[in-house]
C-alpha atoms as a PDB file:
ATOM      1  CA  UNK A   1       0.000   0.000   0.000  1.00  0.00           C
ATOM      2  CA  UNK A   2       1.345   3.397  -0.996  1.00  0.00           C
ATOM      3  CA  UNK A   3      -1.182   5.332   1.151  1.00  0.00           C
ATOM      4  CA  UNK A   4      -0.839   9.081   0.656  1.00  0.00           C
ATOM      5  CA  UNK A   5       2.349   8.895  -1.412  1.00  0.00           C
ATOM      6  CA  UNK A   6       2.213  11.348  -4.315  1.00  0.00           C
ATOM      7  CA  UNK A   7       2.041   9.965  -7.916  1.00  0.00           C
ATOM      8  CA  UNK A   8       5.634  10.975  -8.709  1.00  0.00           C
ATOM      9  CA  UNK A   9       6.925   9.405  -5.496  1.00  0.00           C
ATOM     10  CA  UNK A  10       4.812   6.325  -6.164  1.00  0.00           C
ATOM     11  CA  UNK A  11       6.405   5.953  -9.604  1.00  0.00           C
ATOM     12  CA  UNK A  12       9.900   6.168  -8.102  1.00  0.00           C
ATOM     13  CA  UNK A  13       8.991   3.583  -5.459  1.00  0.00           C
ATOM     14  CA  UNK A  14       7.546   1.220  -8.083  1.00  0.00           C
ATOM     15  CA  UNK A  15      10.738   1.492 -10.143  1.00  0.00           C
ATOM     16  CA  UNK A  16      12.844   0.800  -7.041  1.00  0.00           C
ATOM     17  CA  UNK A  17      10.713  -2.244  -6.168  1.00  0.00           C
ATOM     18  CA  UNK A  18      10.994  -3.639  -9.703  1.00  0.00           C
ATOM     19  CA  UNK A  19      14.759  -3.086  -9.652  1.00  0.00           C
ATOM     20  CA  UNK A  20      15.006  -4.866  -6.291  1.00  0.00           C
ATOM     21  CA  UNK A  21      12.935  -7.793  -7.593  1.00  0.00           C
ATOM     22  CA  UNK A  22      15.141  -8.058 -10.684  1.00  0.00           C
ATOM     23  CA  UNK A  23      18.254  -8.086  -8.501  1.00  0.00           C
ATOM     24  CA  UNK A  24      16.794 -10.833  -6.305  1.00  0.00           C
ATOM     25  CA  UNK A  25      15.902 -12.924  -9.368  1.00  0.00           C
ATOM     26  CA  UNK A  26      19.454 -12.514 -10.702  1.00  0.00           C
ATOM     27  CA  UNK A  27      20.961 -13.622  -7.381  1.00  0.00           C
ATOM     28  CA  UNK A  28      18.612 -16.626  -7.205  1.00  0.00           C
ATOM     29  CA  UNK A  29      19.511 -17.619 -10.780  1.00  0.00           C
ATOM     30  CA  UNK A  30      23.220 -17.235 -10.043  1.00  0.00           C
ATOM     31  CA  UNK A  31      22.918 -19.437  -6.946  1.00  0.00           C
ATOM     32  CA  UNK A  32      20.978 -22.045  -8.919  1.00  0.00           C
ATOM     33  CA  UNK A  33      23.580 -22.078 -11.688  1.00  0.00           C
ATOM     34  CA  UNK A  34      26.483 -22.608  -9.271  1.00  0.00           C
ATOM     35  CA  UNK A  35      24.530 -25.211  -7.271  1.00  0.00           C
ATOM     36  CA  UNK A  36      23.720 -27.122 -10.452  1.00  0.00           C
ATOM     37  CA  UNK A  37      27.356 -27.017 -11.573  1.00  0.00           C
ATOM     38  CA  UNK A  38      28.658 -28.297  -8.235  1.00  0.00           C
ATOM     39  CA  UNK A  39      25.990 -30.750  -7.100  1.00  0.00           C
ATOM     40  CA  UNK A  40      24.147 -31.499 -10.313  1.00  0.00           C
ATOM     41  CA  UNK A  41      20.519 -30.641 -10.953  1.00  0.00           C
ATOM     42  CA  UNK A  42      18.186 -32.839  -8.946  1.00  0.00           C
ATOM     43  CA  UNK A  43      14.930 -33.344 -10.826  1.00  0.00           C
ATOM     44  CA  UNK A  44      11.465 -34.190  -9.523  1.00  0.00           C
ATOM     45  CA  UNK A  45      10.193 -36.089 -12.537  1.00  0.00           C
ATOM     46  CA  UNK A  46       6.593 -36.865 -13.398  1.00  0.00           C
ATOM     47  CA  UNK A  47       4.719 -37.212 -16.720  1.00  0.00           C
ATOM     48  CA  UNK A  48       4.513 -33.664 -18.127  1.00  0.00           C
ATOM     49  CA  UNK A  49       2.558 -32.387 -21.122  1.00  0.00           C
ATOM     50  CA  UNK A  50       4.909 -29.894 -22.783  1.00  0.00           C
ATOM     51  CA  UNK A  51       2.005 -28.332 -24.683  1.00  0.00           C
ATOM     52  CA  UNK A  52       0.186 -27.418 -21.473  1.00  0.00           C
ATOM     53  CA  UNK A  53       3.435 -26.143 -19.943  1.00  0.00           C
ATOM     54  CA  UNK A  54       4.088 -23.957 -23.000  1.00  0.00           C
ATOM     55  CA  UNK A  55       0.568 -22.534 -22.844  1.00  0.00           C
ATOM     56  CA  UNK A  56       0.788 -21.637 -19.140  1.00  0.00           C
ATOM     57  CA  UNK A  57       4.241 -20.072 -19.517  1.00  0.00           C
ATOM     58  CA  UNK A  58       3.156 -18.007 -22.513  1.00  0.00           C
ATOM     59  CA  UNK A  59       0.155 -16.788 -20.520  1.00  0.00           C
ATOM     60  CA  UNK A  60       2.425 -15.730 -17.646  1.00  0.00           C
ATOM     61  CA  UNK A  61       4.521 -13.664 -20.089  1.00  0.00           C
ATOM     62  CA  UNK A  62       1.616 -11.884 -21.794  1.00  0.00           C
ATOM     63  CA  UNK A  63       2.253  -8.671 -19.842  1.00  0.00           C
ATOM     64  CA  UNK A  64       5.877  -8.576 -21.037  1.00  0.00           C
ATOM     65  CA  UNK A  65       4.794  -9.300 -24.609  1.00  0.00           C
ATOM     66  CA  UNK A  66       2.117  -6.589 -24.510  1.00  0.00           C
ATOM     67  CA  UNK A  67       4.590  -4.043 -23.124  1.00  0.00           C
ATOM     68  CA  UNK A  68       6.874  -4.795 -26.088  1.00  0.00           C
ATOM     69  CA  UNK A  69       3.888  -4.985 -28.507  1.00  0.00           C
ATOM     70  CA  UNK A  70       4.897  -8.524 -29.451  1.00  0.00           C
ATOM     71  CA  UNK A  71       2.277 -11.100 -30.441  1.00  0.00           C
ATOM     72  CA  UNK A  72       2.692 -14.615 -29.034  1.00  0.00           C
ATOM     73  CA  UNK A  73       1.425 -17.645 -30.935  1.00  0.00           C
ATOM     74  CA  UNK A  74       1.594 -21.373 -30.251  1.00  0.00           C
ATOM     75  CA  UNK A  75       1.147 -24.005 -32.929  1.00  0.00           C
ATOM     76  CA  UNK A  76       1.868 -27.623 -33.728  1.00  0.00           C
ATOM     77  CA  UNK A  77       3.726 -27.432 -37.008  1.00  0.00           C
ATOM     78  CA  UNK A  78       1.772 -29.070 -39.801  1.00  0.00           C
ATOM     79  CA  UNK A  79      -1.084 -30.093 -37.495  1.00  0.00           C
ATOM     80  CA  UNK A  80      -4.171 -27.925 -37.072  1.00  0.00           C
ATOM     81  CA  UNK A  81      -5.060 -29.655 -33.800  1.00  0.00           C
ATOM     82  CA  UNK A  82      -3.772 -29.364 -30.274  1.00  0.00           C
ATOM     83  CA  UNK A  83      -1.466 -32.222 -29.359  1.00  0.00           C
ATOM     84  CA  UNK A  84      -0.383 -33.834 -26.110  1.00  0.00           C
ATOM     85  CA  UNK A  85       3.398 -33.949 -25.885  1.00  0.00           C
ATOM     86  CA  UNK A  86       4.260 -36.103 -22.890  1.00  0.00           C
ATOM     87  CA  UNK A  87       7.756 -36.284 -21.420  1.00  0.00           C
ATOM     88  CA  UNK A  88       9.171 -37.531 -18.137  1.00  0.00           C
ATOM     89  CA  UNK A  89      10.262 -34.236 -16.655  1.00  0.00           C
ATOM     90  CA  UNK A  90      10.426 -31.741 -13.837  1.00  0.00           C
ATOM     91  CA  UNK A  91       7.573 -29.284 -14.459  1.00  0.00           C
ATOM     92  CA  UNK A  92       9.104 -26.395 -12.501  1.00  0.00           C
ATOM     93  CA  UNK A  93      12.487 -26.676 -14.182  1.00  0.00           C
ATOM     94  CA  UNK A  94      11.058 -27.102 -17.687  1.00  0.00           C
ATOM     95  CA  UNK A  95       8.851 -24.082 -17.098  1.00  0.00           C
ATOM     96  CA  UNK A  96      12.052 -22.111 -16.441  1.00  0.00           C
ATOM     97  CA  UNK A  97      13.378 -23.240 -19.833  1.00  0.00           C
ATOM     98  CA  UNK A  98      10.208 -22.052 -21.571  1.00  0.00           C
ATOM     99  CA  UNK A  99      10.266 -18.765 -19.654  1.00  0.00           C
ATOM    100  CA  UNK A 100      13.914 -18.070 -20.479  1.00  0.00           C
ATOM    101  CA  UNK A 101      13.553 -18.860 -24.182  1.00  0.00           C
ATOM    102  CA  UNK A 102      10.278 -16.943 -24.533  1.00  0.00           C
ATOM    103  CA  UNK A 103      11.521 -13.874 -22.634  1.00  0.00           C
ATOM    104  CA  UNK A 104      14.697 -13.919 -24.724  1.00  0.00           C
ATOM    105  CA  UNK A 105      12.648 -13.966 -27.940  1.00  0.00           C
ATOM    106  CA  UNK A 106      10.235 -11.258 -26.769  1.00  0.00           C
ATOM    107  CA  UNK A 107      13.017  -8.942 -25.627  1.00  0.00           C
ATOM    108  CA  UNK A 108      14.856  -9.271 -28.932  1.00  0.00           C
ATOM    109  CA  UNK A 109      11.867  -8.830 -31.225  1.00  0.00           C
ATOM    110  CA  UNK A 110      10.950  -5.525 -32.885  1.00  0.00           C
ATOM    111  CA  UNK A 111       7.670  -3.899 -31.933  1.00  0.00           C
ATOM    112  CA  UNK A 112       4.726  -5.379 -33.795  1.00  0.00           C
ATOM    113  CA  UNK A 113       6.552  -8.650 -34.407  1.00  0.00           C
ATOM    114  CA  UNK A 114       5.415 -12.189 -33.651  1.00  0.00           C
ATOM    115  CA  UNK A 115       7.087 -14.811 -31.480  1.00  0.00           C
ATOM    116  CA  UNK A 116       6.050 -18.353 -32.342  1.00  0.00           C
ATOM    117  CA  UNK A 117       6.272 -21.456 -30.192  1.00  0.00           C
ATOM    118  CA  UNK A 118       6.195 -24.540 -32.413  1.00  0.00           C
ATOM    119  CA  UNK A 119       5.749 -27.948 -30.770  1.00  0.00           C
ATOM    120  CA  UNK A 120       5.851 -31.374 -32.292  1.00  0.00           C
ATOM    121  CA  UNK A 121       7.267 -34.891 -32.341  1.00  0.00           C
ATOM    122  CA  UNK A 122      10.249 -36.019 -34.379  1.00  0.00           C
ATOM    123  CA  UNK A 123      12.083 -39.351 -34.381  1.00  0.00           C
ATOM    124  CA  UNK A 124      10.691 -40.315 -30.984  1.00  0.00           C
ATOM    125  CA  UNK A 125      11.443 -36.961 -29.363  1.00  0.00           C
ATOM    126  CA  UNK A 126       9.296 -34.014 -28.349  1.00  0.00           C
ATOM    127  CA  UNK A 127      10.644 -30.929 -30.105  1.00  0.00           C
ATOM    128  CA  UNK A 128      10.050 -27.310 -29.052  1.00  0.00           C
ATOM    129  CA  UNK A 129      11.119 -24.305 -31.120  1.00  0.00           C
ATOM    130  CA  UNK A 130      10.824 -20.664 -30.053  1.00  0.00           C
ATOM    131  CA  UNK A 131      11.064 -18.488 -33.174  1.00  0.00           C
ATOM    132  CA  UNK A 132      11.493 -14.721 -33.395  1.00  0.00           C
ATOM    133  CA  UNK A 133      12.129 -12.113 -36.078  1.00  0.00           C
ATOM    134  CA  UNK A 134      14.839 -10.172 -34.249  1.00  0.00           C
ATOM    135  CA  UNK A 135      18.436  -9.468 -35.172  1.00  0.00           C
ATOM    136  CA  UNK A 136      19.496 -13.099 -35.453  1.00  0.00           C
ATOM    137  CA  UNK A 137      22.796 -14.538 -34.232  1.00  0.00           C
ATOM    138  CA  UNK A 138      26.281 -13.685 -35.464  1.00  0.00           C
ATOM    139  CA  UNK A 139      28.151 -16.786 -36.743  1.00  0.00           C
ATOM    140  CA  UNK A 140      31.092 -16.293 -34.367  1.00  0.00           C
ATOM    141  CA  UNK A 141      28.708 -16.114 -31.408  1.00  0.00           C
ATOM    142  CA  UNK A 142      26.777 -19.271 -32.214  1.00  0.00           C
ATOM    143  CA  UNK A 143      29.147 -21.731 -30.432  1.00  0.00           C
ATOM    144  CA  UNK A 144      29.135 -19.661 -27.231  1.00  0.00           C
ATOM    145  CA  UNK A 145      25.435 -18.850 -26.726  1.00  0.00           C
ATOM    146  CA  UNK A 146      24.855 -21.409 -23.983  1.00  0.00           C
ATOM    147  CA  UNK A 147      28.061 -20.730 -22.057  1.00  0.00           C
ATOM    148  CA  UNK A 148      27.899 -19.275 -18.554  1.00  0.00           C
ATOM    149  CA  UNK A 149      28.023 -15.458 -18.463  1.00  0.00           C
ATOM    150  CA  UNK A 150      28.428 -15.225 -22.232  1.00  0.00           C
ATOM    151  CA  UNK A 151      27.481 -11.780 -23.523  1.00  0.00           C
ATOM    152  CA  UNK A 152      28.366 -11.252 -27.174  1.00  0.00           C
ATOM    153  CA  UNK A 153      28.988  -8.021 -28.995  1.00  0.00           C
ATOM    154  CA  UNK A 154      25.869  -8.020 -31.174  1.00  0.00           C
ATOM    155  CA  UNK A 155      22.731  -6.099 -30.232  1.00  0.00           C
ATOM    156  CA  UNK A 156      21.070  -9.409 -29.502  1.00  0.00           C
ATOM    157  CA  UNK A 157      23.663 -10.738 -27.080  1.00  0.00           C
ATOM    158  CA  UNK A 158      25.056  -7.604 -25.464  1.00  0.00           C
ATOM    159  CA  UNK A 159      22.283  -7.324 -22.878  1.00  0.00           C
ATOM    160  CA  UNK A 160      21.240  -9.511 -19.976  1.00  0.00           C
ATOM    161  CA  UNK A 161      23.194 -11.461 -17.387  1.00  0.00           C
ATOM    162  CA  UNK A 162      24.455 -14.254 -19.624  1.00  0.00           C
ATOM    163  CA  UNK A 163      22.809 -16.791 -17.303  1.00  0.00           C
ATOM    164  CA  UNK A 164      19.379 -17.516 -18.772  1.00  0.00           C
ATOM    165  CA  UNK A 165      20.487 -19.626 -21.721  1.00  0.00           C
ATOM    166  CA  UNK A 166      23.124 -21.387 -19.634  1.00  0.00           C
ATOM    167  CA  UNK A 167      20.502 -22.314 -17.032  1.00  0.00           C
ATOM    168  CA  UNK A 168      18.194 -23.546 -19.806  1.00  0.00           C
ATOM    169  CA  UNK A 169      21.042 -25.729 -21.075  1.00  0.00           C
ATOM    170  CA  UNK A 170      21.662 -27.125 -17.579  1.00  0.00           C
ATOM    171  CA  UNK A 171      18.004 -28.070 -17.222  1.00  0.00           C
ATOM    172  CA  UNK A 172      17.596 -29.610 -20.677  1.00  0.00           C
ATOM    173  CA  UNK A 173      20.823 -31.613 -20.379  1.00  0.00           C
ATOM    174  CA  UNK A 174      19.789 -32.850 -16.914  1.00  0.00           C
ATOM    175  CA  UNK A 175      16.732 -34.299 -18.724  1.00  0.00           C
ATOM    176  CA  UNK A 176      19.109 -36.044 -21.190  1.00  0.00           C
ATOM    177  CA  UNK A 177      17.890 -33.660 -23.879  1.00  0.00           C
ATOM    178  CA  UNK A 178      19.579 -31.287 -26.301  1.00  0.00           C
ATOM    179  CA  UNK A 179      19.231 -27.552 -26.780  1.00  0.00           C
ATOM    180  CA  UNK A 180      20.359 -25.502 -29.760  1.00  0.00           C
ATOM    181  CA  UNK A 181      20.082 -22.207 -31.615  1.00  0.00           C
ATOM    182  CA  UNK A 182      20.040 -21.328 -35.301  1.00  0.00           C
ATOM    183  CA  UNK A 183      19.291 -18.399 -37.523  1.00  0.00           C
ATOM    184  CA  UNK A 184      15.897 -18.091 -39.148  1.00  0.00           C
ATOM    185  CA  UNK A 185      15.352 -17.129 -42.784  1.00  0.00           C
ATOM    186  CA  UNK A 186      14.920 -14.363 -43.814  1.00  0.00           C
ATOM    187  CA  UNK A 187      15.461 -12.825 -40.359  1.00  0.00           C
ATOM    188  CA  UNK A 188      15.427 -13.809 -36.711  1.00  0.00           C
ATOM    189  CA  UNK A 189      16.500 -16.718 -34.566  1.00  0.00           C
ATOM    190  CA  UNK A 190      15.244 -20.111 -33.454  1.00  0.00           C
ATOM    191  CA  UNK A 191      16.014 -21.516 -30.024  1.00  0.00           C
ATOM    192  CA  UNK A 192      14.935 -25.107 -29.623  1.00  0.00           C
ATOM    193  CA  UNK A 193      15.190 -28.144 -27.399  1.00  0.00           C
ATOM    194  CA  UNK A 194      14.215 -31.787 -27.639  1.00  0.00           C
ATOM    195  CA  UNK A 195      13.378 -34.376 -24.998  1.00  0.00           C
ATOM    196  CA  UNK A 196      12.591 -38.067 -25.176  1.00  0.00           C
ATOM    197  CA  UNK A 197       8.894 -38.786 -25.607  1.00  0.00           C
ATOM    198  CA  UNK A 198       6.796 -41.009 -23.365  1.00  0.00           C
ATOM    199  CA  UNK A 199       3.363 -42.450 -24.098  1.00  0.00           C
ATOM    200  CA  UNK A 200       0.245 -40.721 -22.810  1.00  0.00           C
ATOM    201  CA  UNK A 201       0.061 -41.819 -19.144  1.00  0.00           C
ATOM    202  CA  UNK A 202      -3.758 -41.972 -19.300  1.00  0.00           C
ATOM    203  CA  UNK A 203      -3.563 -45.035 -21.562  1.00  0.00           C
END
């Protein structure tokens, strides 16, 4: 409650609170990264529907997308129907992967652009691709994107803590999956990951 605080003072306080929250999130991420490196990432695995997880994470990032005037869409490749994409995974940790990749795409997209989440199955794996129309990735930066604290020289990579993609890599690899990045034609980038599929647990 701000009580009788004047509008200008309220604005300053709100900025200070947001800055404090961002700092806390950075510290928590840093601690997680070091803990994962030293002790390994301990997963609480259950059957997870990646499609539902993608939908809930996208919903949680709608405010960020709206502030950047970026449209979020989720589709299933060549299919016109919603699919169930079951994996044996840790829901909380995989949600962090979605959040990092989506926030990265939103923050590096021009105003009025679209960020697409494409989900599907390929060769027995569940495949997720987060696609944007931003600046793309410089060839010399491609091998280093998922390294800890890496901040490249391009407009795309020069901001942020250099921890989000590294944490996403830690989580995906702890699930015995793979994560990658590539440039999108004619413009933009694709960040994707793949995990082993399991059958629908309701069967």
